[in-house]
C-alpha cells in the first residue's frame, strides 16, 4: 500500500483497494522498515494503562534496564540499533494490527535476541492470529517459515511452501 500498483489490483477480504479506501487498508499493517524512525513518545495511544503495558513489553524485549516510561514518553531512544528496533517492535505491539511486516529486523540484533525473534516472538504473533511477513537474508531461519518467496531484483525467482509442523 505504499505505492499504487502499476497493473492488477489489491484486495483485502474481498474488498478492492482504491484511492478512496487506501488509508483503511494501510491501517491493517504494522511495519518496521530497515531505515525506520523512532519517536520517544507514544502519540495516539490513549489507553488508561499505557505505561504499565509498555513496561511489560520493555521487560519482554529485555530493555527495562535501559529504558523507562512516564506518561507515554520513553526516557531515552539513545540505544544501539538493535535495541532501537526492539523499541520499534514495542510500538508495533501497541498498534496490534492484523499484519506485521519486518524488513531485515533481526539484522542488527545480537545472536541471542535474533534467535528469540525468530523462534519465539514470531511464533507468538502467529499464535495471536497475526499475518507475519519477514524480509530477511538470514538463511539460518528460513526453515521456520510457512512460505518462502525469493526475489531477485524485484522479480519472483522462486516460491516454496514449507511443510513443517511448528513453523512460522
Protein backbone atom coordinates (compact mmCIF):
# COMPACT_ATOMS: atom_id res chain seq x y z
CA UNK A 1 0.00 0.00 0.00
CA UNK A 2 2.95 2.37 -0.08
CA UNK A 3 2.85 2.55 -3.88
CA UNK A 4 -0.18 2.09 -6.10
CA UNK A 5 0.05 -0.98 -8.35
CA UNK A 6 1.09 -0.35 -11.95
CA UNK A 7 -1.15 -3.19 -13.07
CA UNK A 8 -3.66 -5.51 -11.47
CA UNK A 9 -5.48 -4.79 -8.22
CA UNK A 10 -5.07 -5.30 -4.48
CA UNK A 11 -7.90 -6.80 -2.46
CA UNK A 12 -8.30 -7.24 1.29
CA UNK A 13 -11.07 -9.56 2.48
CA UNK A 14 -12.70 -9.35 -0.95
CA UNK A 15 -12.67 -5.53 -0.99
CA UNK A 16 -10.75 -3.85 -3.80
CA UNK A 17 -8.31 -1.22 -2.57
CA UNK A 18 -8.74 2.15 -4.26
CA UNK A 19 -7.64 5.72 -3.55
CA UNK A 20 -10.86 6.10 -1.55
CA UNK A 21 -10.03 3.34 0.95
CA UNK A 22 -6.24 3.05 0.81
CA UNK A 23 -5.87 4.59 4.28
CA UNK A 24 -8.26 1.97 5.70
CA UNK A 25 -6.10 -0.70 4.03
CA UNK A 26 -2.87 0.74 5.46
CA UNK A 27 -4.30 0.62 8.98
CA UNK A 28 -4.13 -3.19 8.79
CA UNK A 29 -0.30 -3.12 8.79
CA UNK A 30 2.43 -2.54 11.35
CA UNK A 31 5.76 -2.31 9.59
CA UNK A 32 9.31 -1.88 10.79
CA UNK A 33 11.45 -0.97 7.84
CA UNK A 34 15.22 -1.24 7.75
CA UNK A 35 15.53 2.56 7.78
CA UNK A 36 12.86 3.25 10.40
CA UNK A 37 12.39 6.35 12.56
CA UNK A 38 11.77 6.01 16.28
CA UNK A 39 9.75 8.53 18.32
CA UNK A 40 10.26 8.89 22.06
CA UNK A 41 6.54 9.22 22.81
CA UNK A 42 3.53 7.08 22.05
CA UNK A 43 1.21 9.52 20.31
CA UNK A 44 -2.33 8.40 19.59
CA UNK A 45 -2.38 5.64 22.19
CA UNK A 46 -4.93 6.85 24.73
CA UNK A 47 -5.17 3.69 26.79
CA UNK A 48 -5.64 4.04 30.56
CA UNK A 49 -2.75 1.70 31.49
CA UNK A 50 -0.36 2.56 28.63
CA UNK A 51 2.71 2.99 30.85
CA UNK A 52 2.14 -0.41 32.50
CA UNK A 53 1.61 -2.06 29.13
CA UNK A 54 4.84 -0.52 27.80
CA UNK A 55 6.72 -1.59 30.95
CA UNK A 56 5.58 -5.18 30.37
CA UNK A 57 6.84 -5.06 26.78
CA UNK A 58 10.13 -3.46 27.89
CA UNK A 59 10.64 -6.46 30.19
CA UNK A 60 9.78 -8.95 27.42
CA UNK A 61 12.13 -7.20 24.98
CA UNK A 62 14.90 -7.05 27.59
CA UNK A 63 15.04 -3.25 27.62
CA UNK A 64 13.65 -2.43 31.08
CA UNK A 65 17.18 -1.97 32.45
CA UNK A 66 17.85 0.76 29.84
CA UNK A 67 14.51 2.47 29.20
CA UNK A 68 11.65 3.65 31.41
CA UNK A 69 8.33 5.26 30.54
CA UNK A 70 6.40 8.07 32.17
CA UNK A 71 3.14 9.50 30.82
CA UNK A 72 3.67 7.81 27.45
CA UNK A 73 7.20 9.19 26.98
CA UNK A 74 10.31 7.00 26.87
CA UNK A 75 13.30 8.02 28.99
CA UNK A 76 15.66 7.53 26.03
CA UNK A 77 15.98 6.31 22.48
CA UNK A 78 19.77 6.70 22.54
CA UNK A 79 20.45 2.98 22.22
CA UNK A 80 22.16 0.56 19.89
CA UNK A 81 20.42 -0.01 16.54
CA UNK A 82 19.23 -3.44 17.65
CA UNK A 83 17.75 -2.04 20.86
CA UNK A 84 16.08 0.78 18.92
CA UNK A 85 14.48 -1.82 16.64
CA UNK A 86 13.15 -3.57 19.75
CA UNK A 87 11.51 -0.28 20.77
CA UNK A 88 10.00 -0.07 17.28
CA UNK A 89 8.67 -3.61 17.81
CA UNK A 90 7.11 -2.41 21.06
CA UNK A 91 5.23 0.27 19.10
CA UNK A 92 4.04 -2.38 16.63
CA UNK A 93 2.79 -4.48 19.55
CA UNK A 94 0.82 -1.49 20.84
CA UNK A 95 -0.74 -0.92 17.40
CA UNK A 96 -1.96 -4.55 17.49
CA UNK A 97 -2.77 -4.70 13.78
CA UNK A 98 -3.51 -7.91 11.87
CA UNK A 99 -0.44 -7.81 9.57
CA UNK A 100 3.18 -7.29 10.62
CA UNK A 101 5.99 -6.57 8.16
CA UNK A 102 9.60 -6.82 9.35
CA UNK A 103 12.23 -5.59 6.89
CA UNK A 104 15.61 -7.03 7.95
CA UNK A 105 14.51 -6.51 11.55
CA UNK A 106 16.86 -9.13 13.02
CA UNK A 107 19.95 -7.93 11.11
CA UNK A 108 21.03 -5.59 13.92
CA UNK A 109 20.17 -7.92 16.80
CA UNK A 110 22.74 -9.74 18.87
CA UNK A 111 22.67 -13.51 18.15
CA UNK A 112 20.78 -14.36 21.34
CA UNK A 113 17.96 -11.92 20.59
CA UNK A 114 17.91 -12.80 16.88
CA UNK A 115 17.14 -16.39 17.87
CA UNK A 116 14.45 -15.18 20.30
CA UNK A 117 12.89 -13.12 17.50
CA UNK A 118 12.67 -15.98 15.01
CA UNK A 119 11.78 -18.77 17.43
CA UNK A 120 9.56 -17.03 19.99
CA UNK A 121 8.37 -13.55 19.03
CA UNK A 122 7.25 -14.50 15.51
CA UNK A 123 5.62 -17.68 16.79
CA UNK A 124 3.72 -15.69 19.45
CA UNK A 125 2.45 -13.28 16.80
CA UNK A 126 1.30 -16.20 14.66
CA UNK A 127 -0.45 -17.79 17.67
CA UNK A 128 -2.31 -14.48 18.15
CA UNK A 129 -3.63 -14.86 14.59
CA UNK A 130 -1.34 -12.26 13.02
CA UNK A 131 0.00 -12.46 9.49
CA UNK A 132 3.76 -12.02 9.67
CA UNK A 133 5.88 -11.08 6.65
CA UNK A 134 9.62 -11.20 7.28
CA UNK A 135 12.07 -9.83 4.74
CA UNK A 136 15.40 -11.42 5.53
CA UNK A 137 18.67 -12.66 4.13
CA UNK A 138 19.21 -14.83 7.22
CA UNK A 139 19.01 -18.31 5.67
CA UNK A 140 19.57 -20.00 9.04
CA UNK A 141 15.91 -19.34 9.87
CA UNK A 142 14.21 -19.96 6.52
CA UNK A 143 13.12 -23.41 7.70
CA UNK A 144 10.81 -21.75 10.25
CA UNK A 145 8.68 -20.08 7.56
CA UNK A 146 5.35 -21.35 6.27
CA UNK A 147 6.06 -19.91 2.84
CA UNK A 148 9.21 -18.54 1.22
CA UNK A 149 9.20 -16.16 -1.72
CA UNK A 150 12.63 -15.44 -3.16
CA UNK A 151 13.02 -12.17 -5.04
CA UNK A 152 15.83 -11.28 -7.40
CA UNK A 153 15.96 -7.62 -8.44
CA UNK A 154 12.24 -7.22 -7.75
CA UNK A 155 11.10 -10.30 -9.67
CA UNK A 156 9.84 -13.51 -8.06
CA UNK A 157 12.59 -16.05 -8.60
CA UNK A 158 11.01 -18.94 -6.70
CA UNK A 159 8.26 -19.78 -4.24
CA UNK A 160 8.28 -22.58 -1.73
CA UNK A 161 5.75 -23.72 0.82
CA UNK A 162 7.49 -25.20 3.83
CA UNK A 163 5.88 -28.40 5.07
CA UNK A 164 6.90 -28.48 8.71
CA UNK A 165 4.93 -28.50 11.95
CA UNK A 166 5.57 -25.64 14.31
CA UNK A 167 6.73 -23.39 11.50
CA UNK A 168 6.11 -19.68 11.17
